[in-house]
Amino acid sequence: MKMVIGLGNPGPKYQQTRHNVGFETLFELARRFQGGQSKNQFEAETVEIRIGNEKILLLAPQTYMNLSGRSVRKAIDFYKLPLTDIIVVVDDMNLPTGKLRVRGAGSSGGQKGLHNTIEHLGTSDFSRLRIGIGRPPGKMNAADYVVGKFRKDEIENIKLAIMESADGIEIWAKEGLEMAMNKVNLPNSDE
């Protein structure tokens, strides 16, 4: 079993906001691979899917972004998963809108949900797929920006990024991290 963790904020108020691209990727994976009924466990919504021969647990923490690590830790402990079998999907203000980046480890880059996950796991040595949401315009507060909706001119780009992030997760599940990095990062290597 492997686990894909999409970070975001629960509730209708936050649907389709910049901070919820992790959730959106999970929704796309559940749609694509015909996930069953979701369950509430580990302070998260979970859905099981199959990608090839691999059973995958999709985990959407319902703790709000900044406390995501608590939910992640509970699920990992329950399934006794090695960190090599998880990947976290998260928004990233340091990447242009729609740009994707897969890494096998690294810092939180200021992303508070990722930071909390690192704190709860006691390491930053786990895979992550970052989806660029761009920087706030002017002097706009970053917290307001990430919980805001995408502008009309960004919507097609972010929809494509969600589809490509689901493609990247599929590659990760079937062929491993290195292949996912090679295929996802290559077209976006001009950062």
C-alpha atoms as a PDB file:
ATOM      1  CA  MET A   1       0.000   0.000   0.000  1.00  0.00           C
ATOM      2  CA  LYS A   2       1.037   3.564  -0.737  1.00  0.00           C
ATOM      3  CA  MET A   3      -0.511   6.804   0.458  1.00  0.00           C
ATOM      4  CA  VAL A   4      -1.147  10.058  -1.394  1.00  0.00           C
ATOM      5  CA  ILE A   5      -1.774  12.965   0.965  1.00  0.00           C
ATOM      6  CA  GLY A   6      -3.445  16.043  -0.451  1.00  0.00           C
ATOM      7  CA  LEU A   7      -3.276  19.098   1.772  1.00  0.00           C
ATOM      8  CA  GLY A   8      -6.044  21.676   1.942  1.00  0.00           C
ATOM      9  CA  ASN A   9      -8.789  23.156   4.100  1.00  0.00           C
ATOM     10  CA  PRO A  10     -12.141  21.410   4.654  1.00  0.00           C
ATOM     11  CA  GLY A  11     -15.560  22.863   3.900  1.00  0.00           C
ATOM     12  CA  PRO A  12     -17.345  24.606   1.044  1.00  0.00           C
ATOM     13  CA  LYS A  13     -15.807  27.989   1.903  1.00  0.00           C
ATOM     14  CA  TYR A  14     -12.394  26.720   0.764  1.00  0.00           C
ATOM     15  CA  GLN A  15     -13.376  24.694  -2.300  1.00  0.00           C
ATOM     16  CA  GLN A  16     -11.437  25.627  -5.420  1.00  0.00           C
ATOM     17  CA  THR A  17      -9.091  27.952  -3.540  1.00  0.00           C
ATOM     18  CA  ARG A  18      -5.344  28.105  -4.113  1.00  0.00           C
ATOM     19  CA  HIS A  19      -4.659  26.278  -0.844  1.00  0.00           C
ATOM     20  CA  ASN A  20      -6.824  23.322  -1.921  1.00  0.00           C
ATOM     21  CA  VAL A  21      -4.994  22.128  -5.033  1.00  0.00           C
ATOM     22  CA  GLY A  22      -3.845  19.100  -2.993  1.00  0.00           C
ATOM     23  CA  PHE A  23      -7.477  18.156  -2.368  1.00  0.00           C
ATOM     24  CA  GLU A  24      -8.303  18.787  -6.040  1.00  0.00           C
ATOM     25  CA  THR A  25      -5.589  16.335  -7.084  1.00  0.00           C
ATOM     26  CA  LEU A  26      -7.094  13.681  -4.792  1.00  0.00           C
ATOM     27  CA  PHE A  27     -10.556  14.316  -6.285  1.00  0.00           C
ATOM     28  CA  GLU A  28      -9.116  13.821  -9.779  1.00  0.00           C
ATOM     29  CA  LEU A  29      -7.371  10.587  -8.742  1.00  0.00           C
ATOM     30  CA  ALA A  30     -10.569   9.251  -7.113  1.00  0.00           C
ATOM     31  CA  ARG A  31     -12.537  10.104 -10.272  1.00  0.00           C
ATOM     32  CA  ARG A  32      -9.933   8.659 -12.617  1.00  0.00           C
ATOM     33  CA  PHE A  33      -9.433   5.405 -10.705  1.00  0.00           C
ATOM     34  CA  GLN A  34     -13.042   4.980  -9.550  1.00  0.00           C
ATOM     35  CA  GLY A  35     -12.499   5.382  -5.838  1.00  0.00           C
ATOM     36  CA  GLY A  36     -15.240   3.991  -3.641  1.00  0.00           C
ATOM     37  CA  GLN A  37     -17.125   5.661  -0.831  1.00  0.00           C
ATOM     38  CA  SER A  38     -14.997   7.978   1.290  1.00  0.00           C
ATOM     39  CA  LYS A  39     -14.455   7.210   4.967  1.00  0.00           C
ATOM     40  CA  ASN A  40     -13.737   9.493   7.888  1.00  0.00           C
ATOM     41  CA  GLN A  41     -10.664   8.223   9.717  1.00  0.00           C
ATOM     42  CA  PHE A  42      -7.379   9.636  11.012  1.00  0.00           C
ATOM     43  CA  GLU A  43      -9.027  13.099  11.164  1.00  0.00           C
ATOM     44  CA  ALA A  44      -9.240  12.861   7.383  1.00  0.00           C
ATOM     45  CA  GLU A  45     -11.407  11.828   4.502  1.00  0.00           C
ATOM     46  CA  THR A  46      -9.941   8.733   2.898  1.00  0.00           C
ATOM     47  CA  VAL A  47     -10.654   6.840  -0.297  1.00  0.00           C
ATOM     48  CA  GLU A  48      -8.959   3.694  -1.553  1.00  0.00           C
ATOM     49  CA  ILE A  49      -8.063   3.341  -5.214  1.00  0.00           C
ATOM     50  CA  ARG A  50      -5.904   1.029  -7.298  1.00  0.00           C
ATOM     51  CA  ILE A  51      -3.262   2.276  -9.681  1.00  0.00           C
ATOM     52  CA  GLY A  52      -2.046  -0.753 -11.601  1.00  0.00           C
ATOM     53  CA  ASN A  53      -1.422  -3.439  -8.996  1.00  0.00           C
ATOM     54  CA  GLU A  54      -0.837  -0.900  -6.228  1.00  0.00           C
ATOM     55  CA  LYS A  55      -3.425  -0.169  -3.560  1.00  0.00           C
ATOM     56  CA  ILE A  56      -3.385   3.563  -2.810  1.00  0.00           C
ATOM     57  CA  LEU A  57      -4.957   5.382   0.118  1.00  0.00           C
ATOM     58  CA  LEU A  58      -5.939   8.955  -0.710  1.00  0.00           C
ATOM     59  CA  LEU A  59      -5.809  11.015   2.501  1.00  0.00           C
ATOM     60  CA  ALA A  60      -7.344  14.507   2.776  1.00  0.00           C
ATOM     61  CA  PRO A  61      -6.725  15.795   6.330  1.00  0.00           C
ATOM     62  CA  GLN A  62      -9.743  17.644   7.726  1.00  0.00           C
ATOM     63  CA  THR A  63      -7.690  19.411  10.417  1.00  0.00           C
ATOM     64  CA  TYR A  64      -7.173  22.579   8.374  1.00  0.00           C
ATOM     65  CA  MET A  65      -3.932  23.124   6.518  1.00  0.00           C
ATOM     66  CA  ASN A  66      -1.707  24.245   9.388  1.00  0.00           C
ATOM     67  CA  LEU A  67      -2.432  21.103  11.470  1.00  0.00           C
ATOM     68  CA  SER A  68      -2.219  18.524   8.664  1.00  0.00           C
ATOM     69  CA  GLY A  69       0.694  16.647  10.189  1.00  0.00           C
ATOM     70  CA  ARG A  70      -1.404  15.226  12.995  1.00  0.00           C
ATOM     71  CA  SER A  71      -3.664  13.403  10.551  1.00  0.00           C
ATOM     72  CA  VAL A  72      -0.755  12.253   8.393  1.00  0.00           C
ATOM     73  CA  ARG A  73       1.073  10.826  11.411  1.00  0.00           C
ATOM     74  CA  LYS A  74      -2.010   8.861  12.548  1.00  0.00           C
ATOM     75  CA  ALA A  75      -2.471   7.237   9.134  1.00  0.00           C
ATOM     76  CA  ILE A  76       1.213   6.384   8.707  1.00  0.00           C
ATOM     77  CA  ASP A  77       1.369   4.866  12.195  1.00  0.00           C
ATOM     78  CA  PHE A  78      -1.811   2.844  11.645  1.00  0.00           C
ATOM     79  CA  TYR A  79      -0.604   1.332   8.359  1.00  0.00           C
ATOM     80  CA  LYS A  80       3.061   1.222   9.464  1.00  0.00           C
ATOM     81  CA  LEU A  81       4.063   2.752   6.146  1.00  0.00           C
ATOM     82  CA  PRO A  82       7.668   3.600   5.367  1.00  0.00           C
ATOM     83  CA  LEU A  83       8.036   7.230   4.304  1.00  0.00           C
ATOM     84  CA  THR A  84       9.169   6.029   0.870  1.00  0.00           C
ATOM     85  CA  ASP A  85       5.546   4.940   0.311  1.00  0.00           C
ATOM     86  CA  ILE A  86       3.961   8.364   0.818  1.00  0.00           C
ATOM     87  CA  ILE A  87       3.757  11.501  -1.271  1.00  0.00           C
ATOM     88  CA  VAL A  88       2.291  14.846  -0.189  1.00  0.00           C
ATOM     89  CA  VAL A  89       0.555  17.094  -2.737  1.00  0.00           C
ATOM     90  CA  VAL A  90       0.617  20.748  -1.754  1.00  0.00           C
ATOM     91  CA  ASP A  91       0.312  24.291  -3.099  1.00  0.00           C
ATOM     92  CA  ASP A  92       3.465  26.379  -3.480  1.00  0.00           C
ATOM     93  CA  MET A  93       3.603  30.174  -3.734  1.00  0.00           C
ATOM     94  CA  ASN A  94       7.253  29.965  -4.808  1.00  0.00           C
ATOM     95  CA  LEU A  95       6.324  28.394  -8.137  1.00  0.00           C
ATOM     96  CA  PRO A  96       4.440  30.159 -10.940  1.00  0.00           C
ATOM     97  CA  THR A  97       0.778  29.203 -11.236  1.00  0.00           C
ATOM     98  CA  GLY A  98       0.433  25.758 -12.749  1.00  0.00           C
ATOM     99  CA  LYS A  99       4.103  24.783 -12.563  1.00  0.00           C
ATOM    100  CA  LEU A 100       4.745  21.392 -10.939  1.00  0.00           C
ATOM    101  CA  ARG A 101       7.750  20.165  -8.993  1.00  0.00           C
ATOM    102  CA  VAL A 102       8.335  16.675  -7.545  1.00  0.00           C
ATOM    103  CA  ARG A 103      11.027  16.172  -4.907  1.00  0.00           C
ATOM    104  CA  GLY A 104      12.073  13.279  -2.673  1.00  0.00           C
ATOM    105  CA  ALA A 105      12.843  15.513   0.317  1.00  0.00           C
ATOM    106  CA  GLY A 106      13.395  19.135   1.238  1.00  0.00           C
ATOM    107  CA  SER A 107      12.241  22.009   3.353  1.00  0.00           C
ATOM    108  CA  SER A 108       8.694  23.241   3.756  1.00  0.00           C
ATOM    109  CA  GLY A 109       9.488  26.301   1.641  1.00  0.00           C
ATOM    110  CA  GLY A 110       7.268  28.291   4.024  1.00  0.00           C
ATOM    111  CA  GLN A 111       4.193  26.125   3.338  1.00  0.00           C
ATOM    112  CA  LYS A 112       2.634  25.726   6.793  1.00  0.00           C
ATOM    113  CA  GLY A 113       0.817  22.435   6.163  1.00  0.00           C
ATOM    114  CA  LEU A 114       4.019  20.892   4.870  1.00  0.00           C
ATOM    115  CA  HIS A 115       5.922  22.389   7.809  1.00  0.00           C
ATOM    116  CA  ASN A 116       3.471  20.829  10.285  1.00  0.00           C
ATOM    117  CA  THR A 117       3.763  17.479   8.507  1.00  0.00           C
ATOM    118  CA  ILE A 118       7.564  17.647   8.766  1.00  0.00           C
ATOM    119  CA  GLU A 119       7.240  18.429  12.488  1.00  0.00           C
ATOM    120  CA  HIS A 120       4.914  15.473  13.126  1.00  0.00           C
ATOM    121  CA  LEU A 121       7.013  13.036  11.100  1.00  0.00           C
ATOM    122  CA  GLY A 122      10.283  14.297  12.578  1.00  0.00           C
ATOM    123  CA  THR A 123      11.896  14.450   9.141  1.00  0.00           C
ATOM    124  CA  SER A 124      11.606  16.157   5.777  1.00  0.00           C
ATOM    125  CA  ASP A 125      12.692  12.984   3.961  1.00  0.00           C
ATOM    126  CA  PHE A 126       9.460  12.177   2.164  1.00  0.00           C
ATOM    127  CA  SER A 127       8.232  12.842  -1.360  1.00  0.00           C
ATOM    128  CA  ARG A 128       6.178  15.853  -2.273  1.00  0.00           C
ATOM    129  CA  LEU A 129       4.528  17.178  -5.379  1.00  0.00           C
ATOM    130  CA  ARG A 130       4.237  20.951  -5.323  1.00  0.00           C
ATOM    131  CA  ILE A 131       1.695  22.786  -7.466  1.00  0.00           C
ATOM    132  CA  GLY A 132       2.544  26.395  -8.161  1.00  0.00           C
ATOM    133  CA  ILE A 133      -0.045  29.000  -7.238  1.00  0.00           C
ATOM    134  CA  GLY A 134       2.123  32.093  -7.816  1.00  0.00           C
ATOM    135  CA  ARG A 135       2.801  35.017  -5.510  1.00  0.00           C
ATOM    136  CA  PRO A 136       0.197  37.407  -4.086  1.00  0.00           C
ATOM    137  CA  PRO A 137      -0.128  40.614  -6.094  1.00  0.00           C
ATOM    138  CA  GLY A 138       1.230  43.851  -4.675  1.00  0.00           C
ATOM    139  CA  LYS A 139       1.115  43.991  -0.903  1.00  0.00           C
ATOM    140  CA  MET A 140      -1.700  41.461  -0.546  1.00  0.00           C
ATOM    141  CA  ASN A 141      -1.474  39.339   2.594  1.00  0.00           C
ATOM    142  CA  ALA A 142      -0.210  35.819   1.787  1.00  0.00           C
ATOM    143  CA  ALA A 143      -2.807  34.194   4.098  1.00  0.00           C
ATOM    144  CA  ASP A 144      -5.642  35.951   2.245  1.00  0.00           C
ATOM    145  CA  TYR A 145      -4.120  35.046  -1.109  1.00  0.00           C
ATOM    146  CA  VAL A 146      -3.861  31.287  -0.492  1.00  0.00           C
ATOM    147  CA  VAL A 147      -7.490  30.991   0.655  1.00  0.00           C
ATOM    148  CA  GLY A 148      -8.660  33.035  -2.326  1.00  0.00           C
ATOM    149  CA  LYS A 149     -10.029  31.596  -5.549  1.00  0.00           C
ATOM    150  CA  PHE A 150      -8.062  31.558  -8.777  1.00  0.00           C
ATOM    151  CA  ARG A 151      -8.587  34.450 -11.174  1.00  0.00           C
ATOM    152  CA  LYS A 152     -10.529  33.652 -14.360  1.00  0.00           C
ATOM    153  CA  ASP A 153      -7.354  33.883 -16.429  1.00  0.00           C
ATOM    154  CA  GLU A 154      -5.697  31.229 -14.185  1.00  0.00           C
ATOM    155  CA  ILE A 155      -8.480  28.631 -14.144  1.00  0.00           C
ATOM    156  CA  GLU A 156      -7.586  26.706 -17.332  1.00  0.00           C
ATOM    157  CA  ASN A 157      -3.917  26.649 -16.322  1.00  0.00           C
ATOM    158  CA  ILE A 158      -4.677  25.285 -12.848  1.00  0.00           C
ATOM    159  CA  LYS A 159      -7.121  22.680 -14.209  1.00  0.00           C
ATOM    160  CA  LEU A 160      -4.358  21.434 -16.479  1.00  0.00           C
ATOM    161  CA  ALA A 161      -1.923  21.418 -13.528  1.00  0.00           C
ATOM    162  CA  ILE A 162      -4.346  19.277 -11.481  1.00  0.00           C
ATOM    163  CA  MET A 163      -4.593  16.781 -14.356  1.00  0.00           C
ATOM    164  CA  GLU A 164      -0.799  16.749 -14.727  1.00  0.00           C
ATOM    165  CA  SER A 165      -0.311  16.334 -10.973  1.00  0.00           C
ATOM    166  CA  ALA A 166      -2.618  13.281 -11.063  1.00  0.00           C
ATOM    167  CA  ASP A 167      -0.522  11.981 -13.994  1.00  0.00           C
ATOM    168  CA  GLY A 168       2.593  12.515 -11.867  1.00  0.00           C
ATOM    169  CA  ILE A 169       1.090  10.579  -8.963  1.00  0.00           C
ATOM    170  CA  GLU A 170       0.221   7.743 -11.331  1.00  0.00           C
ATOM    171  CA  ILE A 171       3.849   7.612 -12.527  1.00  0.00           C
ATOM    172  CA  TRP A 172       5.069   7.719  -8.886  1.00  0.00           C
ATOM    173  CA  ALA A 173       2.782   4.813  -7.948  1.00  0.00           C
ATOM    174  CA  LYS A 174       3.701   2.641 -10.950  1.00  0.00           C
ATOM    175  CA  GLU A 175       7.312   3.555 -11.702  1.00  0.00           C
ATOM    176  CA  GLY A 176       8.717   5.245  -8.596  1.00  0.00           C
ATOM    177  CA  LEU A 177       9.912   8.661  -7.475  1.00  0.00           C
ATOM    178  CA  GLU A 178      12.834   9.039  -9.856  1.00  0.00           C
ATOM    179  CA  MET A 179      10.689   8.408 -12.914  1.00  0.00           C
ATOM    180  CA  ALA A 180       8.030  10.831 -11.602  1.00  0.00           C
ATOM    181  CA  MET A 181      10.710  13.490 -11.102  1.00  0.00           C
ATOM    182  CA  ASN A 182      12.085  12.880 -14.609  1.00  0.00           C
ATOM    183  CA  LYS A 183       8.698  13.117 -16.280  1.00  0.00           C
ATOM    184  CA  VAL A 184       7.074  15.857 -14.175  1.00  0.00           C
ATOM    185  CA  ASN A 185      10.040  18.168 -13.584  1.00  0.00           C
ATOM    186  CA  LEU A 186      11.575  18.080 -17.070  1.00  0.00           C
ATOM    187  CA  PRO A 187       8.961  20.176 -18.903  1.00  0.00           C
ATOM    188  CA  ASN A 188       8.979  22.681 -16.046  1.00  0.00           C
ATOM    189  CA  SER A 189      12.730  22.979 -15.563  1.00  0.00           C
ATOM    190  CA  ASP A 190      12.929  26.675 -16.460  1.00  0.00           C
ATOM    191  CA  GLU A 191      12.259  28.052 -12.971  1.00  0.00           C
END
